N, C-alpha and C. Protein backbone atom coordinates (compact mmCIF):
# COMPACT_ATOMS: atom_id res chain seq x y z
N MET A 1 50.47 -193.15 230.97
CA MET A 1 50.14 -193.12 232.52
C MET A 1 50.83 -194.24 232.64
N GLU A 2 51.53 -195.02 232.20
CA GLU A 2 53.08 -195.71 232.99
C GLU A 2 54.34 -193.78 233.44
N ALA A 3 53.65 -192.89 232.34
CA ALA A 3 54.71 -191.90 232.92
C ALA A 3 54.68 -191.95 233.63
N LEU A 4 53.23 -190.84 235.04
CA LEU A 4 53.05 -190.70 235.67
C LEU A 4 53.55 -191.47 236.73
N ASN A 5 53.40 -193.01 235.92
CA ASN A 5 53.71 -194.10 237.31
C ASN A 5 55.71 -193.42 237.55
N GLN A 6 55.80 -193.61 236.96
CA GLN A 6 57.83 -193.31 236.52
C GLN A 6 57.82 -191.93 237.55
N ILE A 7 57.46 -191.03 237.16
CA ILE A 7 57.22 -190.07 238.01
C ILE A 7 56.90 -190.21 239.31
N GLY A 8 55.63 -190.92 239.64
CA GLY A 8 55.58 -190.56 241.04
C GLY A 8 56.86 -191.86 241.81
N GLN A 9 57.23 -192.68 240.84
CA GLN A 9 58.32 -193.61 240.84
C GLN A 9 59.33 -193.08 241.92
N LEU A 10 59.79 -191.83 240.57
CA LEU A 10 60.44 -191.34 241.27
C LEU A 10 60.45 -190.37 242.03
N ILE A 11 59.46 -189.88 242.20
CA ILE A 11 59.49 -188.92 243.40
C ILE A 11 59.30 -189.84 244.72
N SER A 12 58.69 -190.49 245.10
CA SER A 12 58.48 -191.40 246.17
C SER A 12 60.13 -191.91 246.51
N THR A 13 61.00 -191.82 244.68
CA THR A 13 62.10 -192.44 245.59
C THR A 13 63.12 -192.19 245.75
N TYR A 14 63.40 -191.09 246.17
CA TYR A 14 63.90 -189.41 245.65
C TYR A 14 63.35 -188.87 245.84
N GLY A 15 62.38 -188.26 246.55
CA GLY A 15 61.65 -187.24 247.19
C GLY A 15 61.85 -186.34 247.27
N ILE A 16 61.76 -185.50 247.63
CA ILE A 16 61.57 -183.64 247.01
C ILE A 16 63.11 -183.20 246.06
N MET A 17 63.88 -184.19 246.58
CA MET A 17 65.47 -184.07 245.76
C MET A 17 64.68 -184.25 244.90
N ALA A 18 64.35 -184.52 244.37
CA ALA A 18 63.49 -184.94 242.74
C ALA A 18 62.76 -183.54 242.53
N VAL A 19 62.24 -183.60 243.13
CA VAL A 19 60.85 -181.82 243.03
C VAL A 19 61.74 -180.73 242.82
N ILE A 20 63.17 -180.26 243.31
CA ILE A 20 64.42 -179.31 243.58
C ILE A 20 64.86 -179.83 242.60
N VAL A 21 65.62 -180.71 242.02
CA VAL A 21 66.00 -180.72 240.72
C VAL A 21 65.06 -180.28 239.16
N ILE A 22 64.09 -180.37 239.15
CA ILE A 22 62.91 -180.07 237.87
C ILE A 22 63.27 -178.72 238.35
N ILE A 23 62.46 -178.10 239.33
CA ILE A 23 62.39 -176.67 239.92
C ILE A 23 63.66 -175.96 239.50
N PHE A 24 64.68 -176.58 239.68
CA PHE A 24 65.61 -175.24 238.82
C PHE A 24 65.90 -175.16 237.59
N LEU A 25 65.81 -177.22 237.36
CA LEU A 25 65.94 -176.76 235.44
C LEU A 25 65.13 -175.80 234.41
N TRP A 26 63.59 -176.47 235.45
CA TRP A 26 63.04 -175.39 235.40
C TRP A 26 62.51 -173.86 235.02
N ASP A 27 63.57 -173.24 235.94
CA ASP A 27 63.43 -171.85 236.48
C ASP A 27 65.07 -171.12 235.44
N TYR A 28 66.12 -173.05 234.95
CA TYR A 28 66.91 -172.83 234.41
C TYR A 28 66.73 -171.86 232.73
N ILE A 29 66.13 -172.64 232.38
CA ILE A 29 65.32 -172.47 231.82
C ILE A 29 64.61 -171.86 231.03
N ALA A 30 64.31 -171.22 231.61
CA ALA A 30 62.61 -169.98 231.82
C ALA A 30 63.64 -169.15 231.68
N ASN A 31 64.68 -168.79 233.28
CA ASN A 31 66.02 -167.78 232.53
C ASN A 31 66.86 -167.21 232.05
N LYS A 32 67.31 -168.14 231.14
CA LYS A 32 68.21 -168.79 229.32
C LYS A 32 67.17 -168.00 228.26
N LYS A 33 65.85 -168.11 228.34
CA LYS A 33 64.88 -168.21 227.33
C LYS A 33 64.37 -166.37 227.48
N LYS A 34 64.36 -165.57 228.90
CA LYS A 34 63.92 -164.41 229.39
C LYS A 34 66.17 -163.67 228.56
N ASN A 35 67.03 -164.16 229.48
CA ASN A 35 68.56 -163.56 229.26
C ASN A 35 68.15 -163.44 227.63
N ILE A 36 68.18 -164.12 226.70
CA ILE A 36 68.24 -164.22 224.84
C ILE A 36 67.05 -162.79 224.17
N GLU A 37 65.97 -163.06 225.06
CA GLU A 37 64.99 -162.06 224.65
C GLU A 37 65.67 -160.54 225.16
N ASN A 38 66.71 -160.11 226.41
CA ASN A 38 67.14 -159.12 226.97
C ASN A 38 68.17 -158.80 225.90
N GLN A 39 68.46 -160.40 225.57
CA GLN A 39 70.07 -159.60 225.01
C GLN A 39 69.75 -159.03 223.62
N GLU A 40 68.46 -159.33 222.29
CA GLU A 40 68.46 -158.66 222.04
C GLU A 40 67.55 -157.33 222.03
N THR A 41 66.92 -157.26 223.03
CA THR A 41 66.20 -156.37 222.85
C THR A 41 67.37 -155.22 223.37
N ILE A 42 68.72 -155.43 224.19
CA ILE A 42 69.73 -154.84 223.55
C ILE A 42 70.45 -154.07 222.56
N LYS A 43 70.82 -155.81 222.20
CA LYS A 43 71.16 -155.22 220.97
C LYS A 43 70.80 -153.82 220.11
N ALA A 44 68.66 -154.18 220.05
CA ALA A 44 68.27 -152.72 219.34
C ALA A 44 69.16 -151.93 218.81
N THR A 45 68.06 -152.27 220.74
CA THR A 45 68.58 -150.89 222.15
C THR A 45 70.08 -149.88 221.04
N LEU A 46 70.96 -150.51 221.66
CA LEU A 46 73.04 -149.85 221.11
C LEU A 46 72.31 -149.66 219.24
N GLU A 47 72.09 -150.72 218.63
CA GLU A 47 71.57 -149.80 216.99
C GLU A 47 71.07 -148.28 217.00
N VAL A 48 69.74 -147.78 217.80
CA VAL A 48 69.52 -147.77 217.52
C VAL A 48 70.12 -146.22 218.59
N VAL A 49 70.23 -146.43 219.62
CA VAL A 49 71.95 -145.20 220.25
C VAL A 49 72.94 -145.13 218.91
N LYS A 50 73.34 -146.12 218.09
CA LYS A 50 74.24 -145.88 216.99
C LYS A 50 73.93 -145.06 216.18
N GLU A 51 72.99 -144.93 215.36
CA GLU A 51 72.54 -144.78 214.68
C GLU A 51 72.43 -142.63 215.13
N SER A 52 71.14 -142.71 216.26
CA SER A 52 71.74 -141.27 216.98
C SER A 52 72.32 -140.72 217.63
N THR A 53 73.25 -141.27 218.08
CA THR A 53 74.65 -140.71 218.11
C THR A 53 75.60 -140.18 216.93
N SER A 54 75.21 -140.96 215.45
CA SER A 54 76.01 -140.62 214.29
C SER A 54 75.25 -139.47 213.41
N THR A 55 73.90 -139.60 213.52
CA THR A 55 72.79 -138.24 213.29
C THR A 55 73.22 -137.04 214.21
N ILE A 56 73.88 -137.40 215.10
CA ILE A 56 73.61 -135.92 216.39
C ILE A 56 74.89 -135.42 216.57
N SER A 57 75.91 -136.64 215.82
CA SER A 57 77.58 -135.51 215.38
C SER A 57 77.18 -134.62 214.37
N ASN A 58 76.13 -135.79 212.78
CA ASN A 58 75.90 -135.03 212.27
C ASN A 58 76.21 -132.92 211.48
N CYS A 59 74.61 -133.01 213.06
CA CYS A 59 74.08 -131.89 213.23
C CYS A 59 75.45 -131.36 213.80
N LEU A 60 75.91 -132.11 214.78
CA LEU A 60 76.84 -130.63 215.20
C LEU A 60 77.70 -129.71 214.36
N VAL A 61 78.55 -130.15 213.04
CA VAL A 61 78.95 -130.27 212.83
C VAL A 61 78.44 -129.40 211.29
N GLU A 62 76.92 -129.57 211.30
CA GLU A 62 76.61 -128.73 210.92
C GLU A 62 76.47 -127.70 211.31
N MET A 63 76.22 -127.46 212.42
CA MET A 63 76.24 -126.32 213.66
C MET A 63 76.87 -125.49 213.23
N GLN A 64 78.12 -126.00 213.66
CA GLN A 64 80.07 -125.61 212.92
C GLN A 64 79.74 -124.39 211.99
N GLN A 65 79.51 -125.17 210.70
CA GLN A 65 79.91 -124.69 209.73
C GLN A 65 78.75 -123.45 209.87
N THR A 66 77.54 -124.05 210.56
CA THR A 66 76.21 -122.74 210.24
C THR A 66 77.17 -121.19 210.94
N ASN A 67 77.86 -122.58 212.58
CA ASN A 67 77.96 -120.86 213.11
C ASN A 67 79.30 -119.93 212.56
N SER A 68 80.24 -120.57 211.62
CA SER A 68 81.91 -119.91 211.25
C SER A 68 80.94 -119.88 210.60
N ASN A 69 79.97 -119.52 209.72
CA ASN A 69 79.50 -118.40 208.03
C ASN A 69 78.70 -117.48 208.64
N THR A 70 78.04 -117.65 210.64
CA THR A 70 77.24 -116.35 210.53
C THR A 70 78.56 -115.27 211.26
N ALA A 71 79.49 -116.28 211.59
CA ALA A 71 80.60 -115.35 212.01
C ALA A 71 81.22 -114.68 210.67
N LYS A 72 81.45 -115.29 210.35
CA LYS A 72 82.26 -114.51 208.75
C LYS A 72 81.58 -113.35 208.15
N SER A 73 80.29 -113.88 208.07
CA SER A 73 79.05 -111.95 208.07
C SER A 73 79.21 -111.52 208.39
N LEU A 74 78.95 -111.96 210.37
CA LEU A 74 79.04 -110.81 210.66
C LEU A 74 80.61 -109.90 210.89
N GLU A 75 81.97 -110.29 210.49
CA GLU A 75 82.89 -109.82 210.29
C GLU A 75 82.08 -109.31 209.15
N LEU A 76 82.04 -109.72 207.70
CA LEU A 76 82.41 -108.49 206.60
C LEU A 76 80.99 -107.19 207.48
N LEU A 77 80.07 -107.78 207.66
CA LEU A 77 78.76 -106.54 208.30
C LEU A 77 79.08 -104.98 208.74
N GLN A 78 80.38 -106.01 209.34
CA GLN A 78 81.18 -104.52 210.73
C GLN A 78 81.50 -104.32 209.43
N LYS A 79 83.40 -104.86 208.45
CA LYS A 79 83.56 -104.03 208.40
C LYS A 79 83.13 -102.52 207.43
N GLN A 80 82.19 -103.78 207.26
CA GLN A 80 80.72 -102.64 205.97
C GLN A 80 80.52 -101.74 206.21
N MET A 81 79.91 -101.32 208.09
CA MET A 81 79.49 -100.62 208.34
C MET A 81 80.24 -99.30 208.74
N GLU A 82 81.60 -100.04 209.07
CA GLU A 82 82.17 -99.22 209.11
C GLU A 82 83.44 -98.67 208.06
N SER A 83 83.95 -99.22 206.80
CA SER A 83 83.62 -98.63 206.19
C SER A 83 82.33 -97.16 206.00
N THR A 84 81.14 -97.85 205.97
CA THR A 84 79.72 -97.14 205.71
C THR A 84 80.42 -96.07 206.47
N ASP A 85 80.49 -95.92 208.01
CA ASP A 85 80.25 -94.97 208.30
C ASP A 85 81.45 -93.49 208.81
N LYS A 86 82.95 -93.93 207.71
CA LYS A 86 83.99 -93.26 207.73
C LYS A 86 83.27 -92.60 206.38
N LYS A 87 82.92 -93.13 205.06
CA LYS A 87 82.62 -92.96 204.16
C LYS A 87 81.44 -91.53 205.11
N VAL A 88 80.23 -91.02 205.57
CA VAL A 88 79.35 -90.00 206.40
C VAL A 88 80.30 -89.43 206.68
N ASP A 89 81.05 -89.58 207.28
CA ASP A 89 82.14 -88.89 208.32
C ASP A 89 82.82 -87.34 207.16
N ILE A 90 83.26 -88.55 206.11
CA ILE A 90 84.28 -87.65 205.03
C ILE A 90 83.08 -86.78 204.35
N LEU A 91 82.05 -87.25 204.10
CA LEU A 91 81.03 -86.22 203.91
C LEU A 91 79.98 -86.04 204.49
N LEU A 92 79.99 -85.49 206.05
CA LEU A 92 79.11 -84.48 206.68
C LEU A 92 81.37 -83.16 206.91
N GLU A 93 82.13 -84.08 206.87
CA GLU A 93 83.09 -83.80 206.67
C GLU A 93 83.15 -82.34 206.00
N ARG A 94 83.24 -82.54 204.94
CA ARG A 94 82.39 -81.80 203.35
C ARG A 94 81.25 -80.69 203.56
N GLY A 95 81.21 -81.75 203.87
CA GLY A 95 79.64 -80.49 203.63
C GLY A 95 79.83 -79.14 204.94
N ASN A 96 80.91 -79.02 205.85
CA ASN A 96 80.89 -78.00 207.10
C ASN A 96 81.43 -76.52 206.85
């Protein structure tokens, strides 16, 4: 009861100024808590993005190696086909 009387006395003594200060402090504390929660969410999101970036980087390296291997295989296949074409041409010339 006494606390309520003191609050009433503060409001009557200081008027609206006390109410404004109390609302300001309440809003400040509430926003501070929200900011801390938002910062934690941002940190967690950045960690996920960092892990994703690492995974994507590894995939790109593997794709580069696969592309290099495919290019080498195609070169070998082209050389083999050219060699086979020359042999076929030689055999056809001998047959005529």
